[in-house]
PDB file of N, CA and C in Angstrom:
ATOM      1  N   MET A   1     -27.423  49.655 -40.970  1.00  0.00           N
ATOM      2  CA  MET A   1     -28.013  49.737 -39.651  1.00  0.00           C
ATOM      3  C   MET A   1     -27.056  50.362 -38.640  1.00  0.00           C
ATOM      4  N   ALA A   2     -25.766  50.232 -38.856  1.00  0.00           N
ATOM      5  CA  ALA A   2     -24.798  50.774 -37.921  1.00  0.00           C
ATOM      6  C   ALA A   2     -24.856  52.297 -37.893  1.00  0.00           C
ATOM      7  N   ILE A   3     -25.203  52.909 -39.012  1.00  0.00           N
ATOM      8  CA  ILE A   3     -25.281  54.364 -39.063  1.00  0.00           C
ATOM      9  C   ILE A   3     -26.405  54.858 -38.156  1.00  0.00           C
ATOM     10  N   ASP A   4     -27.562  54.195 -38.213  1.00  0.00           N
ATOM     11  CA  ASP A   4     -28.679  54.601 -37.369  1.00  0.00           C
ATOM     12  C   ASP A   4     -28.333  54.457 -35.895  1.00  0.00           C
ATOM     13  N   GLU A   5     -27.637  53.393 -35.536  1.00  0.00           N
ATOM     14  CA  GLU A   5     -27.298  53.177 -34.139  1.00  0.00           C
ATOM     15  C   GLU A   5     -26.337  54.247 -33.646  1.00  0.00           C
ATOM     16  N   ARG A   6     -25.371  54.637 -34.475  1.00  0.00           N
ATOM     17  CA  ARG A   6     -24.408  55.651 -34.057  1.00  0.00           C
ATOM     18  C   ARG A   6     -25.062  57.017 -33.923  1.00  0.00           C
ATOM     19  N   SER A   7     -25.946  57.368 -34.860  1.00  0.00           N
ATOM     20  CA  SER A   7     -26.539  58.702 -34.813  1.00  0.00           C
ATOM     21  C   SER A   7     -27.462  58.844 -33.615  1.00  0.00           C
ATOM     22  N   THR A   8     -28.199  57.812 -33.242  1.00  0.00           N
ATOM     23  CA  THR A   8     -29.072  57.920 -32.082  1.00  0.00           C
ATOM     24  C   THR A   8     -28.280  57.763 -30.796  1.00  0.00           C
ATOM     25  N   ALA A   9     -27.151  57.075 -30.860  1.00  0.00           N
ATOM     26  CA  ALA A   9     -26.350  56.890 -29.659  1.00  0.00           C
ATOM     27  C   ALA A   9     -25.693  58.194 -29.226  1.00  0.00           C
ATOM     28  N   LYS A  10     -25.391  59.080 -30.164  1.00  0.00           N
ATOM     29  CA  LYS A  10     -24.721  60.337 -29.832  1.00  0.00           C
ATOM     30  C   LYS A  10     -25.715  61.446 -29.534  1.00  0.00           C
ATOM     31  N   GLY A  11     -26.969  61.127 -29.413  1.00  0.00           N
ATOM     32  CA  GLY A  11     -27.951  62.131 -29.054  1.00  0.00           C
ATOM     33  C   GLY A  11     -28.606  62.809 -30.238  1.00  0.00           C
ATOM     34  N   ALA A  12     -28.264  62.414 -31.458  1.00  0.00           N
ATOM     35  CA  ALA A  12     -28.901  62.987 -32.636  1.00  0.00           C
ATOM     36  C   ALA A  12     -30.305  62.430 -32.742  1.00  0.00           C
ATOM     37  N   PRO A  13     -31.239  63.183 -33.264  1.00  0.00           N
ATOM     38  CA  PRO A  13     -32.601  62.677 -33.377  1.00  0.00           C
ATOM     39  C   PRO A  13     -32.665  61.529 -34.369  1.00  0.00           C
ATOM     40  N   ALA A  14     -33.571  60.631 -34.102  1.00  0.00           N
ATOM     41  CA  ALA A  14     -33.775  59.489 -34.995  1.00  0.00           C
ATOM     42  C   ALA A  14     -34.395  59.992 -36.286  1.00  0.00           C
ATOM     43  N   ALA A  15     -34.382  59.171 -37.310  1.00  0.00           N
ATOM     44  CA  ALA A  15     -34.964  59.550 -38.592  1.00  0.00           C
ATOM     45  C   ALA A  15     -36.415  59.925 -38.391  1.00  0.00           C
ATOM     46  N   GLY A  16     -36.814  61.071 -38.960  1.00  0.00           N
ATOM     47  CA  GLY A  16     -38.182  61.521 -38.828  1.00  0.00           C
ATOM     48  C   GLY A  16     -38.389  62.395 -37.607  1.00  0.00           C
ATOM     49  N   GLY A  17     -37.367  62.611 -36.802  1.00  0.00           N
ATOM     50  CA  GLY A  17     -37.489  63.450 -35.615  1.00  0.00           C
ATOM     51  C   GLY A  17     -37.533  64.913 -35.995  1.00  0.00           C
ATOM     52  N   SER A  18     -37.969  65.743 -35.064  1.00  0.00           N
ATOM     53  CA  SER A  18     -38.120  67.162 -35.364  1.00  0.00           C
ATOM     54  C   SER A  18     -36.802  67.904 -35.317  1.00  0.00           C
ATOM     55  N   GLY A  19     -35.829  67.381 -34.599  1.00  0.00           N
ATOM     56  CA  GLY A  19     -34.546  68.046 -34.523  1.00  0.00           C
ATOM     57  C   GLY A  19     -34.477  69.032 -33.379  1.00  0.00           C
ATOM     58  N   GLY A  20     -35.598  69.428 -32.836  1.00  0.00           N
ATOM     59  CA  GLY A  20     -35.620  70.361 -31.711  1.00  0.00           C
ATOM     60  C   GLY A  20     -36.115  69.646 -30.476  1.00  0.00           C
ATOM     61  N   GLY A  21     -35.713  70.140 -29.340  1.00  0.00           N
ATOM     62  CA  GLY A  21     -36.107  69.465 -28.124  1.00  0.00           C
ATOM     63  C   GLY A  21     -37.562  69.672 -27.774  1.00  0.00           C
ATOM     64  N   ASN A  22     -38.113  70.888 -28.020  1.00  0.00           N
ATOM     65  CA  ASN A  22     -39.482  71.152 -27.587  1.00  0.00           C
ATOM     66  C   ASN A  22     -40.372  71.615 -28.740  1.00  0.00           C
ATOM     67  N   GLY A  23     -40.166  71.110 -29.928  1.00  0.00           N
ATOM     68  CA  GLY A  23     -41.030  71.437 -31.057  1.00  0.00           C
ATOM     69  C   GLY A  23     -40.455  72.538 -31.927  1.00  0.00           C
ATOM     70  N   SER A  24     -41.341  73.286 -32.599  1.00  0.00           N
ATOM     71  CA  SER A  24     -40.884  74.309 -33.539  1.00  0.00           C
ATOM     72  C   SER A  24     -40.632  75.626 -32.824  1.00  0.00           C
ATOM     73  N   ALA A  25     -40.057  76.568 -33.579  1.00  0.00           N
ATOM     74  CA  ALA A  25     -39.731  77.885 -33.034  1.00  0.00           C
ATOM     75  C   ALA A  25     -41.017  78.655 -32.754  1.00  0.00           C
ATOM     76  N   PRO A  26     -40.965  79.620 -31.838  1.00  0.00           N
ATOM     77  CA  PRO A  26     -42.150  80.435 -31.563  1.00  0.00           C
ATOM     78  C   PRO A  26     -42.572  81.204 -32.803  1.00  0.00           C
ATOM     79  N   PRO A  27     -43.869  81.522 -32.907  1.00  0.00           N
ATOM     80  CA  PRO A  27     -44.356  82.236 -34.096  1.00  0.00           C
ATOM     81  C   PRO A  27     -43.646  83.560 -34.341  1.00  0.00           C
ATOM     82  N   GLU A  28     -43.237  84.263 -33.282  1.00  0.00           N
ATOM     83  CA  GLU A  28     -42.559  85.548 -33.462  1.00  0.00           C
ATOM     84  C   GLU A  28     -41.247  85.369 -34.226  1.00  0.00           C
ATOM     85  N   GLN A  29     -40.519  84.302 -33.928  1.00  0.00           N
ATOM     86  CA  GLN A  29     -39.259  84.052 -34.635  1.00  0.00           C
ATOM     87  C   GLN A  29     -39.513  83.704 -36.091  1.00  0.00           C
ATOM     88  N   ASN A  30     -40.584  82.957 -36.353  1.00  0.00           N
ATOM     89  CA  ASN A  30     -40.916  82.605 -37.736  1.00  0.00           C
ATOM     90  C   ASN A  30     -41.273  83.855 -38.536  1.00  0.00           C
ATOM     91  N   VAL A  31     -42.061  84.758 -37.941  1.00  0.00           N
ATOM     92  CA  VAL A  31     -42.450  85.990 -38.624  1.00  0.00           C
ATOM     93  C   VAL A  31     -41.216  86.846 -38.881  1.00  0.00           C
ATOM     94  N   GLN A  32     -40.339  86.943 -37.887  1.00  0.00           N
ATOM     95  CA  GLN A  32     -39.125  87.739 -38.050  1.00  0.00           C
ATOM     96  C   GLN A  32     -38.226  87.146 -39.141  1.00  0.00           C
ATOM     97  N   ALA A  33     -38.143  85.817 -39.210  1.00  0.00           N
ATOM     98  CA  ALA A  33     -37.325  85.170 -40.231  1.00  0.00           C
ATOM     99  C   ALA A  33     -37.875  85.467 -41.625  1.00  0.00           C
ATOM    100  N   VAL A  34     -39.198  85.458 -41.762  1.00  0.00           N
ATOM    101  CA  VAL A  34     -39.808  85.764 -43.059  1.00  0.00           C
ATOM    102  C   VAL A  34     -39.539  87.217 -43.430  1.00  0.00           C
ATOM    103  N   ARG A  35     -39.665  88.135 -42.462  1.00  0.00           N
ATOM    104  CA  ARG A  35     -39.391  89.555 -42.733  1.00  0.00           C
ATOM    105  C   ARG A  35     -37.946  89.758 -43.171  1.00  0.00           C
ATOM    106  N   ASN A  36     -37.019  89.111 -42.477  1.00  0.00           N
ATOM    107  CA  ASN A  36     -35.603  89.248 -42.839  1.00  0.00           C
ATOM    108  C   ASN A  36     -35.350  88.729 -44.251  1.00  0.00           C
ATOM    109  N   THR A  37     -35.953  87.608 -44.578  1.00  0.00           N
ATOM    110  CA  THR A  37     -35.782  87.040 -45.915  1.00  0.00           C
ATOM    111  C   THR A  37     -36.320  87.990 -46.973  1.00  0.00           C
ATOM    112  N   LEU A  38     -37.488  88.567 -46.742  1.00  0.00           N
ATOM    113  CA  LEU A  38     -38.067  89.498 -47.713  1.00  0.00           C
ATOM    114  C   LEU A  38     -37.211  90.751 -47.860  1.00  0.00           C
ATOM    115  N   LYS A  39     -36.690  91.275 -46.753  1.00  0.00           N
ATOM    116  CA  LYS A  39     -35.827  92.458 -46.829  1.00  0.00           C
ATOM    117  C   LYS A  39     -34.561  92.149 -47.631  1.00  0.00           C
ATOM    118  N   GLU A  40     -33.954  90.997 -47.377  1.00  0.00           N
ATOM    119  CA  GLU A  40     -32.743  90.617 -48.115  1.00  0.00           C
ATOM    120  C   GLU A  40     -33.040  90.425 -49.593  1.00  0.00           C
ATOM    121  N   THR A  41     -34.200  89.878 -49.898  1.00  0.00           N
ATOM    122  CA  THR A  41     -34.591  89.680 -51.292  1.00  0.00           C
ATOM    123  C   THR A  41     -34.746  91.019 -51.999  1.00  0.00           C
ATOM    124  N   ILE A  42     -35.392  91.980 -51.351  1.00  0.00           N
ATOM    125  CA  ILE A  42     -35.574  93.303 -51.944  1.00  0.00           C
ATOM    126  C   ILE A  42     -34.226  93.976 -52.185  1.00  0.00           C
ATOM    127  N   VAL A  43     -33.313  93.862 -51.227  1.00  0.00           N
ATOM    128  CA  VAL A  43     -31.981  94.463 -51.387  1.00  0.00           C
ATOM    129  C   VAL A  43     -31.262  93.846 -52.586  1.00  0.00           C
ATOM    130  N   GLU A  44     -31.330  92.532 -52.729  1.00  0.00           N
ATOM    131  CA  GLU A  44     -30.657  91.868 -53.849  1.00  0.00           C
ATOM    132  C   GLU A  44     -31.291  92.245 -55.181  1.00  0.00           C
ATOM    133  N   LEU A  45     -32.625  92.370 -55.217  1.00  0.00           N
ATOM    134  CA  LEU A  45     -33.296  92.763 -56.459  1.00  0.00           C
ATOM    135  C   LEU A  45     -32.920  94.188 -56.861  1.00  0.00           C
ATOM    136  N   GLN A  46     -32.670  95.054 -55.884  1.00  0.00           N
ATOM    137  CA  GLN A  46     -32.258  96.413 -56.199  1.00  0.00           C
ATOM    138  C   GLN A  46     -30.850  96.458 -56.773  1.00  0.00           C
ATOM    139  N   LYS A  47     -30.030  95.471 -56.460  1.00  0.00           N
ATOM    140  CA  LYS A  47     -28.665  95.407 -56.994  1.00  0.00           C
ATOM    141  C   LYS A  47     -28.643  94.868 -58.429  1.00  0.00           C
ATOM    142  N   THR A  48     -29.728  94.259 -58.846  1.00  0.00           N
ATOM    143  CA  THR A  48     -29.781  93.608 -60.152  1.00  0.00           C
ATOM    144  C   THR A  48     -29.745  94.629 -61.277  1.00  0.00           C
ATOM    145  N   THR A  49     -28.990  94.328 -62.317  1.00  0.00           N
ATOM    146  CA  THR A  49     -28.973  95.152 -63.521  1.00  0.00           C
ATOM    147  C   THR A  49     -29.989  94.564 -64.499  1.00  0.00           C
ATOM    148  N   TRP A  50     -31.086  95.260 -64.682  1.00  0.00           N
ATOM    149  CA  TRP A  50     -32.158  94.765 -65.537  1.00  0.00           C
ATOM    150  C   TRP A  50     -31.890  95.177 -66.985  1.00  0.00           C
ATOM    151  N   PRO A  51     -32.280  94.336 -67.953  1.00  0.00           N
ATOM    152  CA  PRO A  51     -32.073  94.699 -69.358  1.00  0.00           C
ATOM    153  C   PRO A  51     -33.018  95.824 -69.780  1.00  0.00           C
ATOM    154  N   THR A  52     -32.555  96.580 -70.751  1.00  0.00           N
ATOM    155  CA  THR A  52     -33.417  97.625 -71.312  1.00  0.00           C
ATOM    156  C   THR A  52     -34.501  96.949 -72.143  1.00  0.00           C
ATOM    157  N   PRO A  53     -35.592  97.646 -72.444  1.00  0.00           N
ATOM    158  CA  PRO A  53     -36.634  97.045 -73.285  1.00  0.00           C
ATOM    159  C   PRO A  53     -36.095  96.569 -74.642  1.00  0.00           C
ATOM    160  N   ALA A  54     -35.158  97.316 -75.210  1.00  0.00           N
ATOM    161  CA  ALA A  54     -34.586  96.908 -76.501  1.00  0.00           C
ATOM    162  C   ALA A  54     -33.805  95.594 -76.359  1.00  0.00           C
ATOM    163  N   GLU A  55     -33.023  95.483 -75.264  1.00  0.00           N
ATOM    164  CA  GLU A  55     -32.278  94.242 -75.033  1.00  0.00           C
ATOM    165  C   GLU A  55     -33.222  93.076 -74.793  1.00  0.00           C
ATOM    166  N   ALA A  56     -34.284  93.314 -74.030  1.00  0.00           N
ATOM    167  CA  ALA A  56     -35.250  92.251 -73.748  1.00  0.00           C
ATOM    168  C   ALA A  56     -35.923  91.782 -75.038  1.00  0.00           C
ATOM    169  N   ASN A  57     -36.274  92.719 -75.912  1.00  0.00           N
ATOM    170  CA  ASN A  57     -36.900  92.353 -77.190  1.00  0.00           C
ATOM    171  C   ASN A  57     -35.936  91.551 -78.058  1.00  0.00           C
ATOM    172  N   ARG A  58     -34.684  91.999 -78.102  1.00  0.00           N
ATOM    173  CA  ARG A  58     -33.681  91.293 -78.919  1.00  0.00           C
ATOM    174  C   ARG A  58     -33.458  89.879 -78.403  1.00  0.00           C
ATOM    175  N   LEU A  59     -33.314  89.736 -77.095  1.00  0.00           N
ATOM    176  CA  LEU A  59     -33.079  88.414 -76.516  1.00  0.00           C
ATOM    177  C   LEU A  59     -34.296  87.503 -76.681  1.00  0.00           C
ATOM    178  N   THR A  60     -35.488  88.077 -76.584  1.00  0.00           N
ATOM    179  CA  THR A  60     -36.707  87.298 -76.814  1.00  0.00           C
ATOM    180  C   THR A  60     -36.751  86.789 -78.249  1.00  0.00           C
ATOM    181  N   ALA A  61     -36.377  87.635 -79.197  1.00  0.00           N
ATOM    182  CA  ALA A  61     -36.352  87.222 -80.604  1.00  0.00           C
ATOM    183  C   ALA A  61     -35.337  86.103 -80.821  1.00  0.00           C
ATOM    184  N   VAL A  62     -34.194  86.177 -80.149  1.00  0.00           N
ATOM    185  CA  VAL A  62     -33.181  85.123 -80.272  1.00  0.00           C
ATOM    186  C   VAL A  62     -33.733  83.798 -79.747  1.00  0.00           C
ATOM    187  N   VAL A  63     -34.380  83.836 -78.609  1.00  0.00           N
ATOM    188  CA  VAL A  63     -34.935  82.606 -78.028  1.00  0.00           C
ATOM    189  C   VAL A  63     -35.999  82.015 -78.944  1.00  0.00           C
ATOM    190  N   ILE A  64     -36.894  82.848 -79.459  1.00  0.00           N
ATOM    191  CA  ILE A  64     -37.936  82.349 -80.365  1.00  0.00           C
ATOM    192  C   ILE A  64     -37.305  81.783 -81.635  1.00  0.00           C
ATOM    193  N   GLY A  65     -36.279  82.456 -82.160  1.00  0.00           N
ATOM    194  CA  GLY A  65     -35.602  81.951 -83.353  1.00  0.00           C
ATOM    195  C   GLY A  65     -34.957  80.594 -83.119  1.00  0.00           C
ATOM    196  N   VAL A  66     -34.298  80.426 -82.008  1.00  0.00           N
ATOM    197  CA  VAL A  66     -33.663  79.139 -81.707  1.00  0.00           C
ATOM    198  C   VAL A  66     -34.715  78.049 -81.570  1.00  0.00           C
ATOM    199  N   ILE A  67     -35.831  78.358 -80.928  1.00  0.00           N
ATOM    200  CA  ILE A  67     -36.904  77.362 -80.772  1.00  0.00           C
ATOM    201  C   ILE A  67     -37.453  76.953 -82.134  1.00  0.00           C
ATOM    202  N   VAL A  68     -37.658  77.921 -83.018  1.00  0.00           N
ATOM    203  CA  VAL A  68     -38.181  77.603 -84.357  1.00  0.00           C
ATOM    204  C   VAL A  68     -37.185  76.742 -85.132  1.00  0.00           C
ATOM    205  N   VAL A  69     -35.916  77.110 -85.104  1.00  0.00           N
ATOM    206  CA  VAL A  69     -34.894  76.345 -85.828  1.00  0.00           C
ATOM    207  C   VAL A  69     -34.822  74.909 -85.289  1.00  0.00           C
ATOM    208  N   LEU A  70     -34.806  74.758 -83.975  1.00  0.00           N
ATOM    209  CA  LEU A  70     -34.758  73.408 -83.399  1.00  0.00           C
ATOM    210  C   LEU A  70     -36.020  72.613 -83.722  1.00  0.00           C
ATOM    211  N   GLY A  71     -37.174  73.280 -83.740  1.00  0.00           N
ATOM    212  CA  GLY A  71     -38.418  72.605 -84.097  1.00  0.00           C
ATOM    213  C   GLY A  71     -38.398  72.088 -85.528  1.00  0.00           C
ATOM    214  N   VAL A  72     -37.917  72.923 -86.460  1.00  0.00           N
ATOM    215  CA  VAL A  72     -37.817  72.502 -87.864  1.00  0.00           C
ATOM    216  C   VAL A  72     -36.823  71.360 -88.006  1.00  0.00           C
ATOM    217  N   TYR A  73     -35.679  71.468 -87.332  1.00  0.00           N
ATOM    218  CA  TYR A  73     -34.665  70.406 -87.390  1.00  0.00           C
ATOM    219  C   TYR A  73     -35.233  69.085 -86.869  1.00  0.00           C
ATOM    220  N   MET A  74     -35.887  69.131 -85.730  1.00  0.00           N
ATOM    221  CA  MET A  74     -36.427  67.889 -85.167  1.00  0.00           C
ATOM    222  C   MET A  74     -37.558  67.325 -86.031  1.00  0.00           C
ATOM    223  N   GLY A  75     -38.367  68.216 -86.615  1.00  0.00           N
ATOM    224  CA  GLY A  75     -39.431  67.766 -87.508  1.00  0.00           C
ATOM    225  C   GLY A  75     -38.873  67.078 -88.740  1.00  0.00           C
ATOM    226  N   LEU A  76     -37.842  67.664 -89.352  1.00  0.00           N
ATOM    227  CA  LEU A  76     -37.212  67.055 -90.526  1.00  0.00           C
ATOM    228  C   LEU A  76     -36.559  65.722 -90.177  1.00  0.00           C
ATOM    229  N   LEU A  77     -35.882  65.687 -89.044  1.00  0.00           N
ATOM    230  CA  LEU A  77     -35.244  64.446 -88.622  1.00  0.00           C
ATOM    231  C   LEU A  77     -36.290  63.360 -88.390  1.00  0.00           C
ATOM    232  N   ASP A  78     -37.397  63.712 -87.775  1.00  0.00           N
ATOM    233  CA  ASP A  78     -38.479  62.751 -87.552  1.00  0.00           C
ATOM    234  C   ASP A  78     -39.051  62.262 -88.877  1.00  0.00           C
ATOM    235  N   TYR A  79     -39.260  63.195 -89.811  1.00  0.00           N
ATOM    236  CA  TYR A  79     -39.794  62.819 -91.116  1.00  0.00           C
ATOM    237  C   TYR A  79     -38.838  61.875 -91.847  1.00  0.00           C
ATOM    238  N   LEU A  80     -37.556  62.211 -91.855  1.00  0.00           N
ATOM    239  CA  LEU A  80     -36.576  61.377 -92.556  1.00  0.00           C
ATOM    240  C   LEU A  80     -36.469  59.985 -91.934  1.00  0.00           C
ATOM    241  N   LEU A  81     -36.422  59.923 -90.628  1.00  0.00           N
ATOM    242  CA  LEU A  81     -36.316  58.612 -89.977  1.00  0.00           C
ATOM    243  C   LEU A  81     -37.590  57.788 -90.139  1.00  0.00           C
ATOM    244  N   SER A  82     -38.744  58.439 -90.121  1.00  0.00           N
ATOM    245  CA  SER A  82     -40.006  57.725 -90.340  1.00  0.00           C
ATOM    246  C   SER A  82     -40.067  57.172 -91.766  1.00  0.00           C
ATOM    247  N   THR A  83     -39.629  57.984 -92.740  1.00  0.00           N
ATOM    248  CA  THR A  83     -39.613  57.542 -94.133  1.00  0.00           C
ATOM    249  C   THR A  83     -38.649  56.375 -94.307  1.00  0.00           C
ATOM    250  N   LEU A  84     -37.482  56.471 -93.709  1.00  0.00           N
ATOM    251  CA  LEU A  84     -36.506  55.391 -93.770  1.00  0.00           C
ATOM    252  C   LEU A  84     -37.064  54.121 -93.134  1.00  0.00           C
ATOM    253  N   ASP A  85     -37.773  54.264 -92.044  1.00  0.00           N
ATOM    254  CA  ASP A  85     -38.383  53.126 -91.360  1.00  0.00           C
ATOM    255  C   ASP A  85     -39.427  52.453 -92.256  1.00  0.00           C
ATOM    256  N   ARG A  86     -40.273  53.261 -92.934  1.00  0.00           N
ATOM    257  CA  ARG A  86     -41.294  52.703 -93.829  1.00  0.00           C
ATOM    258  C   ARG A  86     -40.645  52.009 -95.041  1.00  0.00           C
ATOM    259  N   LEU A  87     -39.612  52.625 -95.609  1.00  0.00           N
ATOM    260  CA  LEU A  87     -38.965  52.055 -96.797  1.00  0.00           C
ATOM    261  C   LEU A  87     -38.280  50.732 -96.509  1.00  0.00           C
ATOM    262  N   LEU A  88     -37.668  50.622 -95.344  1.00  0.00           N
ATOM    263  CA  LEU A  88     -36.923  49.418 -95.002  1.00  0.00           C
ATOM    264  C   LEU A  88     -37.746  48.399 -94.222  1.00  0.00           C
ATOM    265  N   ASN A  89     -39.009  48.743 -93.964  1.00  0.00           N
ATOM    266  CA  ASN A  89     -39.914  47.860 -93.205  1.00  0.00           C
ATOM    267  C   ASN A  89     -39.263  47.386 -91.902  1.00  0.00           C
ATOM    268  N   LEU A  90     -38.765  48.324 -91.124  1.00  0.00           N
ATOM    269  CA  LEU A  90     -38.090  47.982 -89.880  1.00  0.00           C
ATOM    270  C   LEU A  90     -39.069  47.653 -88.753  1.00  0.00           C
ATOM    271  N   THR A  91     -40.267  48.180 -88.834  1.00  0.00           N
ATOM    272  CA  THR A  91     -41.229  47.909 -87.757  1.00  0.00           C
ATOM    273  C   THR A  91     -42.334  47.007 -88.212  1.00  0.00           C
TER     274      THR A  91
END
């Protein structure tokens, strides 16, 4: 409780407050902020080094291979543990 008293005592907004004295920013500032964000995003995407189609295909094959191997491993482990459970009447 002491934290709440100190934060409101120093002029900070109470929990759930808007943080601004007279509400939200004007719509023009919100639109400008969105435009700036989109421009910065486009600039960053242009700096990105994208993989070639051959690299993308190779990496996709690696991901699919790992998923298949992990699926088989987990399936075998489940089968072995289920069989062990039935043999030893653990459940």
